[in-house]
Amino acid sequence: MITRAKVDLDMSLQACVTRGAALLDDMRPGWRVALQGEDIRMTEGAACVAGRVFGDWREANVMVGDWLSPGRAYAGIWTMQEHGFIVSDNYGCQDEDATEALLPLWQAEINRP
């Protein structure tokens, strides 16, 4: 289980992705169908799940932030991590290897009936 600071240490990557999928279900119904067959690259802003759904990473950060807390400028790294869109190190920078570990979890969510 990969976890990082500022996130509940008992929260697995699967739990984060499940939370993120539920958020996308609320925000963007049909997101799974839209991403089927897409080339998802979790460490690239426009090609990650959030980037594909919202257009790019920055827009995703703004949209998620405003959805969860209206008027908020952006979600922030820890919120995006709690929803399985990224894994960061203890300094708030992307941990690329850990973030890549999210890919099979998101692929399972995308292909879930």
C-alpha atoms as a PDB file:
ATOM      1  CA  MET A   1       0.000   0.000   0.000  1.00  0.00           C
ATOM      2  CA  ILE A   2       1.411   3.372  -1.037  1.00  0.00           C
ATOM      3  CA  THR A   3       0.436   6.324   1.100  1.00  0.00           C
ATOM      4  CA  ARG A   4       1.821   9.807   1.647  1.00  0.00           C
ATOM      5  CA  ALA A   5       1.746  12.569   4.263  1.00  0.00           C
ATOM      6  CA  LYS A   6      -1.413  14.651   4.735  1.00  0.00           C
ATOM      7  CA  VAL A   7      -3.564  11.767   3.535  1.00  0.00           C
ATOM      8  CA  ASP A   8      -5.119   9.260   5.880  1.00  0.00           C
ATOM      9  CA  LEU A   9      -2.373   6.687   6.167  1.00  0.00           C
ATOM     10  CA  ASP A  10      -4.916   3.857   6.144  1.00  0.00           C
ATOM     11  CA  MET A  11      -6.313   4.941   2.779  1.00  0.00           C
ATOM     12  CA  SER A  12      -5.126   2.662  -0.011  1.00  0.00           C
ATOM     13  CA  LEU A  13      -4.673   3.705  -3.595  1.00  0.00           C
ATOM     14  CA  GLN A  14      -7.767   1.666  -4.433  1.00  0.00           C
ATOM     15  CA  ALA A  15      -9.816   3.625  -1.904  1.00  0.00           C
ATOM     16  CA  CYS A  16      -8.550   6.884  -3.417  1.00  0.00           C
ATOM     17  CA  VAL A  17      -9.456   5.795  -6.960  1.00  0.00           C
ATOM     18  CA  THR A  18     -12.872   4.607  -5.795  1.00  0.00           C
ATOM     19  CA  ARG A  19     -13.463   8.007  -4.208  1.00  0.00           C
ATOM     20  CA  GLY A  20     -12.297   9.743  -7.383  1.00  0.00           C
ATOM     21  CA  ALA A  21     -14.558   7.612  -9.575  1.00  0.00           C
ATOM     22  CA  ALA A  22     -17.541   8.469  -7.386  1.00  0.00           C
ATOM     23  CA  LEU A  23     -16.649  12.155  -7.686  1.00  0.00           C
ATOM     24  CA  LEU A  24     -16.487  11.871 -11.479  1.00  0.00           C
ATOM     25  CA  ASP A  25     -19.820  10.028 -11.483  1.00  0.00           C
ATOM     26  CA  ASP A  26     -21.337  13.065  -9.768  1.00  0.00           C
ATOM     27  CA  MET A  27     -19.487  15.714 -11.755  1.00  0.00           C
ATOM     28  CA  ARG A  28     -19.339  14.156 -15.209  1.00  0.00           C
ATOM     29  CA  PRO A  29     -21.800  11.314 -15.749  1.00  0.00           C
ATOM     30  CA  GLY A  30     -20.644   9.205 -18.691  1.00  0.00           C
ATOM     31  CA  TRP A  31     -16.965   9.813 -18.057  1.00  0.00           C
ATOM     32  CA  ARG A  32     -16.215   6.064 -18.198  1.00  0.00           C
ATOM     33  CA  VAL A  33     -17.604   5.711 -21.724  1.00  0.00           C
ATOM     34  CA  ALA A  34     -15.727   8.820 -22.839  1.00  0.00           C
ATOM     35  CA  LEU A  35     -12.415   7.363 -21.608  1.00  0.00           C
ATOM     36  CA  GLN A  36     -12.783   3.837 -22.963  1.00  0.00           C
ATOM     37  CA  GLY A  37     -10.043   3.215 -25.479  1.00  0.00           C
ATOM     38  CA  GLU A  38      -8.210   6.425 -24.560  1.00  0.00           C
ATOM     39  CA  ASP A  39      -4.438   6.363 -24.002  1.00  0.00           C
ATOM     40  CA  ILE A  40      -4.233   7.215 -20.297  1.00  0.00           C
ATOM     41  CA  ARG A  41      -0.829   8.341 -18.986  1.00  0.00           C
ATOM     42  CA  MET A  42      -1.124   9.173 -15.313  1.00  0.00           C
ATOM     43  CA  THR A  43       1.987  11.374 -15.101  1.00  0.00           C
ATOM     44  CA  GLU A  44       1.024  13.645 -18.013  1.00  0.00           C
ATOM     45  CA  GLY A  45      -1.355  16.506 -17.260  1.00  0.00           C
ATOM     46  CA  ALA A  46      -3.506  16.330 -20.390  1.00  0.00           C
ATOM     47  CA  ALA A  47      -3.391  12.528 -20.670  1.00  0.00           C
ATOM     48  CA  CYS A  48      -4.144  11.509 -17.066  1.00  0.00           C
ATOM     49  CA  VAL A  49      -7.676  10.614 -16.004  1.00  0.00           C
ATOM     50  CA  ALA A  50      -8.413  14.086 -14.629  1.00  0.00           C
ATOM     51  CA  GLY A  51      -6.841  15.715 -17.685  1.00  0.00           C
ATOM     52  CA  ARG A  52      -8.870  13.596 -20.102  1.00  0.00           C
ATOM     53  CA  VAL A  53     -12.130  14.259 -18.259  1.00  0.00           C
ATOM     54  CA  PHE A  54     -11.655  18.019 -17.758  1.00  0.00           C
ATOM     55  CA  GLY A  55      -9.334  18.931 -20.629  1.00  0.00           C
ATOM     56  CA  ASP A  56      -6.106  19.271 -18.682  1.00  0.00           C
ATOM     57  CA  TRP A  57      -4.713  18.950 -15.161  1.00  0.00           C
ATOM     58  CA  ARG A  58      -5.057  22.638 -14.268  1.00  0.00           C
ATOM     59  CA  GLU A  59      -8.698  22.773 -15.312  1.00  0.00           C
ATOM     60  CA  ALA A  60      -9.365  19.565 -13.370  1.00  0.00           C
ATOM     61  CA  ASN A  61      -7.792  21.086 -10.273  1.00  0.00           C
ATOM     62  CA  VAL A  62     -10.015  24.164 -10.570  1.00  0.00           C
ATOM     63  CA  MET A  63     -13.209  22.233 -11.341  1.00  0.00           C
ATOM     64  CA  VAL A  64     -12.731  19.692  -8.529  1.00  0.00           C
ATOM     65  CA  GLY A  65     -11.886  22.453  -6.060  1.00  0.00           C
ATOM     66  CA  ASP A  66     -14.992  24.442  -6.927  1.00  0.00           C
ATOM     67  CA  TRP A  67     -17.215  21.333  -6.890  1.00  0.00           C
ATOM     68  CA  LEU A  68     -16.059  20.239  -3.441  1.00  0.00           C
ATOM     69  CA  SER A  69     -15.931  23.719  -1.974  1.00  0.00           C
ATOM     70  CA  PRO A  70     -17.736  26.339  -4.110  1.00  0.00           C
ATOM     71  CA  GLY A  71     -15.662  29.447  -4.613  1.00  0.00           C
ATOM     72  CA  ARG A  72     -12.393  27.669  -3.888  1.00  0.00           C
ATOM     73  CA  ALA A  73      -9.692  28.584  -6.397  1.00  0.00           C
ATOM     74  CA  TYR A  74      -8.410  25.027  -6.874  1.00  0.00           C
ATOM     75  CA  ALA A  75      -8.482  21.598  -5.227  1.00  0.00           C
ATOM     76  CA  GLY A  76      -4.814  21.361  -4.285  1.00  0.00           C
ATOM     77  CA  ILE A  77      -2.450  18.443  -4.412  1.00  0.00           C
ATOM     78  CA  TRP A  78      -3.713  16.687  -1.278  1.00  0.00           C
ATOM     79  CA  THR A  79      -7.353  16.763  -2.396  1.00  0.00           C
ATOM     80  CA  MET A  80      -6.421  15.468  -5.832  1.00  0.00           C
ATOM     81  CA  GLN A  81      -4.415  12.727  -4.137  1.00  0.00           C
ATOM     82  CA  GLU A  82      -7.322  11.759  -1.880  1.00  0.00           C
ATOM     83  CA  HIS A  83      -9.341  11.215  -5.062  1.00  0.00           C
ATOM     84  CA  GLY A  84      -6.730   9.054  -6.770  1.00  0.00           C
ATOM     85  CA  PHE A  85      -5.690  11.499  -9.476  1.00  0.00           C
ATOM     86  CA  ILE A  86      -2.061  11.743  -8.327  1.00  0.00           C
ATOM     87  CA  VAL A  87       0.309  10.463  -5.654  1.00  0.00           C
ATOM     88  CA  SER A  88       2.664  13.009  -4.163  1.00  0.00           C
ATOM     89  CA  ASP A  89       5.730  12.784  -2.019  1.00  0.00           C
ATOM     90  CA  ASN A  90       5.922  14.342   1.417  1.00  0.00           C
ATOM     91  CA  TYR A  91       6.764  17.707  -0.145  1.00  0.00           C
ATOM     92  CA  GLY A  92       3.732  17.967  -2.431  1.00  0.00           C
ATOM     93  CA  CYS A  93       5.572  16.978  -5.608  1.00  0.00           C
ATOM     94  CA  GLN A  94       4.363  14.204  -7.864  1.00  0.00           C
ATOM     95  CA  ASP A  95       5.784  10.760  -7.113  1.00  0.00           C
ATOM     96  CA  GLU A  96       5.830   9.482 -10.694  1.00  0.00           C
ATOM     97  CA  ASP A  97       6.332   5.788  -9.898  1.00  0.00           C
ATOM     98  CA  ALA A  98       3.505   5.774  -7.359  1.00  0.00           C
ATOM     99  CA  THR A  99       1.281   7.804  -9.677  1.00  0.00           C
ATOM    100  CA  GLU A 100       1.842   5.236 -12.439  1.00  0.00           C
ATOM    101  CA  ALA A 101       0.600   2.575  -9.988  1.00  0.00           C
ATOM    102  CA  LEU A 102      -2.818   4.268 -10.232  1.00  0.00           C
ATOM    103  CA  LEU A 103      -3.179   3.363 -13.914  1.00  0.00           C
ATOM    104  CA  PRO A 104      -4.448  -0.239 -13.577  1.00  0.00           C
ATOM    105  CA  LEU A 105      -6.856   0.876 -10.854  1.00  0.00           C
ATOM    106  CA  TRP A 106      -8.305   3.595 -13.072  1.00  0.00           C
ATOM    107  CA  GLN A 107      -8.423   1.236 -16.057  1.00  0.00           C
ATOM    108  CA  ALA A 108     -10.535  -1.147 -13.958  1.00  0.00           C
ATOM    109  CA  GLU A 109     -12.854   1.747 -13.036  1.00  0.00           C
ATOM    110  CA  ILE A 110     -13.128   2.918 -16.632  1.00  0.00           C
ATOM    111  CA  ASN A 111     -14.056  -0.579 -17.804  1.00  0.00           C
ATOM    112  CA  ARG A 112     -16.420  -1.313 -14.924  1.00  0.00           C
ATOM    113  CA  PRO A 113     -19.932  -2.072 -16.196  1.00  0.00           C
END
